[in-house]
Protein backbone atom coordinates (compact mmCIF):
# COMPACT_ATOMS: atom_id res chain seq x y z
CA MET A 1 0.13 -0.24 0.11
CA LYS A 2 3.18 2.58 0.88
CA ALA A 3 4.23 2.10 -2.66
CA ASP A 4 0.66 2.84 -4.19
CA ILE A 5 0.37 6.19 -2.38
CA SER A 6 4.42 6.91 -3.24
CA THR A 7 2.89 6.35 -6.48
CA LEU A 8 -0.51 8.27 -6.77
CA PHE A 9 1.25 11.06 -5.30
CA ARG A 10 3.88 11.23 -7.33
CA GLU A 11 1.01 11.13 -10.09
CA TYR A 12 -1.71 12.75 -8.48
CA ARG A 13 -1.15 14.48 -5.51
CA SER A 14 -4.00 16.53 -5.78
CA CYS A 15 -6.33 13.37 -4.94
CA PHE A 16 -5.54 13.12 -1.06
CA GLU A 17 -6.72 16.22 -0.69
CA VAL A 18 -10.05 14.72 -0.37
CA LEU A 19 -8.98 11.78 2.49
CA ASN A 20 -11.04 14.16 5.10
CA LEU A 21 -14.35 13.60 3.43
CA LEU A 22 -14.14 9.53 4.08
CA ILE A 23 -14.08 10.41 7.81
CA ALA A 24 -16.94 13.04 7.67
CA VAL A 25 -14.71 16.11 7.95
CA ARG A 26 -15.59 18.39 5.50
CA GLU A 27 -12.73 21.05 6.52
CA SER A 28 -9.91 19.76 5.84
CA SER A 29 -7.86 22.64 8.20
CA ARG A 30 -9.57 21.54 10.98
CA LYS A 31 -7.17 20.55 14.15
CA VAL A 32 -7.24 16.58 15.19
CA VAL A 33 -4.96 14.91 17.73
CA SER A 34 -2.87 12.55 16.44
CA LEU A 35 -2.08 9.32 17.89
CA SER A 36 0.81 10.38 19.49
CA GLY A 37 -1.49 13.29 21.21
CA ASN A 38 -0.16 16.21 18.69
CA LEU A 39 -2.81 18.47 17.93
CA LEU A 40 -2.21 19.03 14.53
CA GLU A 41 -4.48 20.45 11.13
CA LEU A 42 -5.85 17.29 9.33
CA LYS A 43 -4.41 18.66 6.32
CA SER A 44 -0.99 18.58 7.63
CA TYR A 45 -1.42 14.38 6.99
CA PHE A 46 -1.97 14.94 3.28
CA ASP A 47 1.91 16.59 2.84
CA GLU A 48 3.47 13.88 1.99
CA PRO A 49 3.41 9.58 1.32
CA GLU A 50 4.25 8.70 5.00
CA LYS A 51 1.95 11.13 6.73
CA ILE A 52 -0.85 9.68 4.22
CA TYR A 53 -0.16 6.06 5.12
CA ASN A 54 -0.39 7.01 8.78
CA PHE A 55 -3.81 8.60 8.27
CA LEU A 56 -5.48 5.47 6.69
CA LEU A 57 -4.25 3.19 9.43
CA GLU A 58 -4.72 5.20 12.16
CA THR A 59 -8.56 6.18 10.34
CA GLY A 60 -8.56 2.50 9.91
CA LEU A 61 -9.26 3.36 5.77
CA ASP A 62 -6.62 0.92 5.08
CA GLU A 63 -8.62 -1.76 6.27
CA ILE A 64 -11.57 -0.49 4.41
CA PHE A 65 -9.51 0.14 1.03
CA LYS A 66 -7.25 -3.18 1.70
CA ASP A 67 -10.66 -5.64 2.12
CA ARG A 68 -12.66 -2.94 -1.05
CA LYS A 69 -16.04 -2.90 1.70
CA ILE A 70 -16.39 0.02 -0.52
CA LYS A 71 -17.00 -0.57 -4.01
CA ASN A 72 -18.03 2.68 -5.35
CA LEU A 73 -15.85 5.49 -4.14
CA CYS A 74 -18.44 8.59 -5.57
CA ASP A 75 -21.49 6.84 -3.64
CA TYR A 76 -19.82 6.19 -0.47
CA VAL A 77 -18.86 9.23 -0.15
CA PHE A 78 -22.30 10.61 -1.00
CA GLY A 79 -23.54 9.11 2.22
CA VAL A 80 -21.06 10.29 4.24
CA GLU A 81 -22.20 14.02 2.74
CA VAL A 82 -25.84 12.99 3.60
CA GLY A 83 -24.74 11.84 6.99
CA LEU A 84 -23.23 15.28 8.31
CA ASP A 85 -26.16 16.81 6.38
CA THR A 86 -28.83 14.74 8.57
CA ASN A 87 -27.24 15.31 11.36
CA ALA A 88 -26.58 18.94 10.69
CA ARG A 89 -30.50 19.77 10.42
CA LYS A 90 -31.05 17.07 13.47
CA ASN A 91 -28.36 19.74 15.34
CA ARG A 92 -30.51 22.70 14.01
CA SER A 93 -33.69 21.56 14.78
CA GLY A 94 -32.76 20.78 18.43
CA THR A 95 -30.99 24.58 18.71
CA ASN A 96 -33.74 25.19 17.57
CA PHE A 97 -36.07 23.64 20.06
CA ALA A 98 -33.99 24.89 22.90
CA ASN A 99 -34.57 28.47 22.46
CA LEU A 100 -38.50 27.94 22.10
CA ILE A 101 -38.64 26.46 25.41
CA SER A 102 -36.09 29.03 26.80
CA GLU A 103 -38.33 31.59 25.72
CA ARG A 104 -40.98 29.89 26.79
CA PHE A 105 -39.91 29.20 30.96
CA ARG A 106 -38.44 33.04 30.85
CA SER A 107 -41.95 34.24 29.94
CA GLU A 108 -43.48 31.98 32.74
CA ASN A 109 -40.49 32.96 34.94
CA ILE A 110 -39.02 29.54 34.96
CA CYS A 111 -36.39 28.93 36.35
CA PHE A 112 -34.10 26.36 34.63
CA GLN A 113 -30.42 25.68 33.45
CA ILE A 114 -29.52 24.25 29.88
CA PHE A 115 -26.15 21.72 29.83
């Protein structure tokens, strides 16, 4: 796998810029904690073949690619995106409901605390 990553990196480096989508992270500038406990930008994993290989190992994506569990990468990424959008909508509706209830409690002078 390392040799394949190196070859791809030389010939088509930009293909690795989307690896963050495979782990449901839209922004590659987002900070993550590495296995060694260091805080670093996710995109720093995509700077060189060795780091890309480590990223695949640390996230478990190496097993997915080895076992060919993903038959169609486009469909997989589409599914991840749908999941992210669904989760975002649920979060927004939960926040909106909490705001609505908070206003109602305040108008009735009911003490409450949001956690």
